[in-house]
Amino acid sequence: MEPQPTNPPAPGATDPTRRARWTPERQRRFLTVLLATGNVTRAARSAGMSPASAHRLRRRLAGTPFDRTWANALALHAQSMADPFADASRPARKAVTQPARG
């Protein structure tokens, strides 16, 4: 019996044996969207990755800048949701009161 010829993959088709990787660019994209949305699923999908792979990456990189930035992004997003008028890029200023006249 002759071996069956294999068909080459269609142009633009992905190779199923090649897995997506968390490149530095994907990590930046993920963290940017995470800060904006506070949503791990949306951030992972925007980077072309799954939420499960994002959580695996965070566990693998525990204690690294990626892990700390993830935590900070969620905290800053939560803070912005608590006070939508607060500008996180500026330090809070004390209110200036006028002396009473009288």
C-alpha atoms as a PDB file:
ATOM      1  CA  MET A   1       0.000   0.000   0.000  1.00  0.00           C
ATOM      2  CA  GLU A   2       1.375   3.387  -0.992  1.00  0.00           C
ATOM      3  CA  PRO A   3       1.584   6.179   1.594  1.00  0.00           C
ATOM      4  CA  GLN A   4      -1.042   8.844   1.124  1.00  0.00           C
ATOM      5  CA  PRO A   5       0.384  12.211   0.069  1.00  0.00           C
ATOM      6  CA  THR A   6      -0.073  14.901   2.698  1.00  0.00           C
ATOM      7  CA  ASN A   7      -1.666  18.138   1.690  1.00  0.00           C
ATOM      8  CA  PRO A   8       0.244  21.264   2.587  1.00  0.00           C
ATOM      9  CA  PRO A   9      -1.567  23.630   4.948  1.00  0.00           C
ATOM     10  CA  ALA A  10      -3.625  26.367   3.388  1.00  0.00           C
ATOM     11  CA  PRO A  11      -1.946  29.767   3.185  1.00  0.00           C
ATOM     12  CA  GLY A  12      -2.492  31.647   6.415  1.00  0.00           C
ATOM     13  CA  ALA A  13      -3.514  28.517   8.333  1.00  0.00           C
ATOM     14  CA  THR A  14      -2.024  28.121  11.776  1.00  0.00           C
ATOM     15  CA  ASP A  15       0.157  25.174  12.589  1.00  0.00           C
ATOM     16  CA  PRO A  16      -1.667  23.181  15.301  1.00  0.00           C
ATOM     17  CA  THR A  17       1.635  21.946  16.719  1.00  0.00           C
ATOM     18  CA  ARG A  18       2.802  25.510  17.308  1.00  0.00           C
ATOM     19  CA  ARG A  19       1.494  27.033  20.510  1.00  0.00           C
ATOM     20  CA  ALA A  20       1.025  30.711  21.186  1.00  0.00           C
ATOM     21  CA  ARG A  21       3.540  32.209  23.597  1.00  0.00           C
ATOM     22  CA  TRP A  22       3.374  35.105  26.015  1.00  0.00           C
ATOM     23  CA  THR A  23       5.744  37.472  24.251  1.00  0.00           C
ATOM     24  CA  PRO A  24       6.741  40.736  25.940  1.00  0.00           C
ATOM     25  CA  GLU A  25       4.389  42.557  23.549  1.00  0.00           C
ATOM     26  CA  ARG A  26       1.483  40.298  24.533  1.00  0.00           C
ATOM     27  CA  GLN A  27       2.270  40.854  28.196  1.00  0.00           C
ATOM     28  CA  ARG A  28       2.222  44.642  27.676  1.00  0.00           C
ATOM     29  CA  ARG A  29      -1.063  44.436  25.785  1.00  0.00           C
ATOM     30  CA  PHE A  30      -2.583  42.250  28.505  1.00  0.00           C
ATOM     31  CA  LEU A  31      -1.530  44.581  31.333  1.00  0.00           C
ATOM     32  CA  THR A  32      -2.717  47.684  29.461  1.00  0.00           C
ATOM     33  CA  VAL A  33      -6.178  46.240  28.876  1.00  0.00           C
ATOM     34  CA  LEU A  34      -6.286  44.835  32.429  1.00  0.00           C
ATOM     35  CA  LEU A  35      -5.684  48.327  33.819  1.00  0.00           C
ATOM     36  CA  ALA A  36      -8.378  49.798  31.574  1.00  0.00           C
ATOM     37  CA  THR A  37     -11.014  47.128  32.179  1.00  0.00           C
ATOM     38  CA  GLY A  38     -10.137  45.218  35.342  1.00  0.00           C
ATOM     39  CA  ASN A  39     -11.202  42.108  33.404  1.00  0.00           C
ATOM     40  CA  VAL A  40      -8.679  39.256  33.071  1.00  0.00           C
ATOM     41  CA  THR A  41     -10.716  37.470  30.398  1.00  0.00           C
ATOM     42  CA  ARG A  42     -11.005  40.551  28.199  1.00  0.00           C
ATOM     43  CA  ALA A  43      -7.328  41.413  28.699  1.00  0.00           C
ATOM     44  CA  ALA A  44      -6.181  37.894  27.835  1.00  0.00           C
ATOM     45  CA  ARG A  45      -8.383  37.723  24.745  1.00  0.00           C
ATOM     46  CA  SER A  46      -7.066  41.101  23.558  1.00  0.00           C
ATOM     47  CA  ALA A  47      -3.563  39.625  23.721  1.00  0.00           C
ATOM     48  CA  GLY A  48      -4.667  36.564  21.765  1.00  0.00           C
ATOM     49  CA  MET A  49      -4.362  34.296  24.787  1.00  0.00           C
ATOM     50  CA  SER A  50      -6.723  32.467  27.130  1.00  0.00           C
ATOM     51  CA  PRO A  51      -7.554  33.593  30.671  1.00  0.00           C
ATOM     52  CA  ALA A  52      -6.265  30.248  31.981  1.00  0.00           C
ATOM     53  CA  SER A  53      -2.879  30.796  30.331  1.00  0.00           C
ATOM     54  CA  ALA A  54      -2.745  34.295  31.831  1.00  0.00           C
ATOM     55  CA  HIS A  55      -3.262  32.870  35.324  1.00  0.00           C
ATOM     56  CA  ARG A  56      -0.635  30.176  34.685  1.00  0.00           C
ATOM     57  CA  LEU A  57       1.809  32.845  33.556  1.00  0.00           C
ATOM     58  CA  ARG A  58       1.157  34.897  36.683  1.00  0.00           C
ATOM     59  CA  ARG A  59       1.749  31.868  38.935  1.00  0.00           C
ATOM     60  CA  ARG A  60       4.950  31.046  37.060  1.00  0.00           C
ATOM     61  CA  LEU A  61       6.156  34.656  37.326  1.00  0.00           C
ATOM     62  CA  ALA A  62       5.107  35.174  40.959  1.00  0.00           C
ATOM     63  CA  GLY A  63       7.055  38.017  42.562  1.00  0.00           C
ATOM     64  CA  THR A  64       8.257  39.444  39.237  1.00  0.00           C
ATOM     65  CA  PRO A  65       7.390  42.853  37.760  1.00  0.00           C
ATOM     66  CA  PHE A  66       4.658  41.183  35.679  1.00  0.00           C
ATOM     67  CA  ASP A  67       2.979  39.824  38.812  1.00  0.00           C
ATOM     68  CA  ARG A  68       3.300  43.134  40.688  1.00  0.00           C
ATOM     69  CA  THR A  69       2.027  45.116  37.695  1.00  0.00           C
ATOM     70  CA  TRP A  70      -0.980  42.779  37.420  1.00  0.00           C
ATOM     71  CA  ALA A  71      -1.826  43.401  41.102  1.00  0.00           C
ATOM     72  CA  ASN A  72      -1.317  47.160  40.711  1.00  0.00           C
ATOM     73  CA  ALA A  73      -3.458  47.274  37.561  1.00  0.00           C
ATOM     74  CA  LEU A  74      -6.359  45.602  39.362  1.00  0.00           C
ATOM     75  CA  ALA A  75      -5.955  47.865  42.397  1.00  0.00           C
ATOM     76  CA  LEU A  76      -5.828  51.029  40.274  1.00  0.00           C
ATOM     77  CA  HIS A  77      -8.832  49.919  38.254  1.00  0.00           C
ATOM     78  CA  ALA A  78     -10.801  49.207  41.435  1.00  0.00           C
ATOM     79  CA  GLN A  79      -9.791  52.602  42.816  1.00  0.00           C
ATOM     80  CA  SER A  80     -10.939  54.342  39.636  1.00  0.00           C
ATOM     81  CA  MET A  81     -14.277  52.531  39.841  1.00  0.00           C
ATOM     82  CA  ALA A  82     -14.722  53.585  43.467  1.00  0.00           C
ATOM     83  CA  ASP A  83     -14.078  57.243  42.616  1.00  0.00           C
ATOM     84  CA  PRO A  84     -14.506  57.830  38.873  1.00  0.00           C
ATOM     85  CA  PHE A  85     -13.583  61.510  39.264  1.00  0.00           C
ATOM     86  CA  ALA A  86     -10.216  60.810  40.879  1.00  0.00           C
ATOM     87  CA  ASP A  87      -7.216  61.189  38.592  1.00  0.00           C
ATOM     88  CA  ALA A  88      -4.795  58.404  39.517  1.00  0.00           C
ATOM     89  CA  SER A  89      -1.921  60.180  37.757  1.00  0.00           C
ATOM     90  CA  ARG A  90      -2.017  63.138  40.156  1.00  0.00           C
ATOM     91  CA  PRO A  91      -1.564  63.085  43.913  1.00  0.00           C
ATOM     92  CA  ALA A  92      -4.655  64.061  45.862  1.00  0.00           C
ATOM     93  CA  ARG A  93      -4.773  67.699  46.940  1.00  0.00           C
ATOM     94  CA  LYS A  94      -6.255  69.013  50.111  1.00  0.00           C
ATOM     95  CA  ALA A  95      -9.207  71.300  49.709  1.00  0.00           C
ATOM     96  CA  VAL A  96      -8.385  74.961  50.196  1.00  0.00           C
ATOM     97  CA  THR A  97     -10.737  76.704  52.558  1.00  0.00           C
ATOM     98  CA  GLN A  98     -11.216  80.436  52.793  1.00  0.00           C
ATOM     99  CA  PRO A  99     -10.975  82.039  56.203  1.00  0.00           C
ATOM    100  CA  ALA A 100     -14.313  83.098  57.616  1.00  0.00           C
ATOM    101  CA  ARG A 101     -15.045  86.798  57.266  1.00  0.00           C
ATOM    102  CA  GLY A 102     -16.909  88.588  59.843  1.00  0.00           C
END
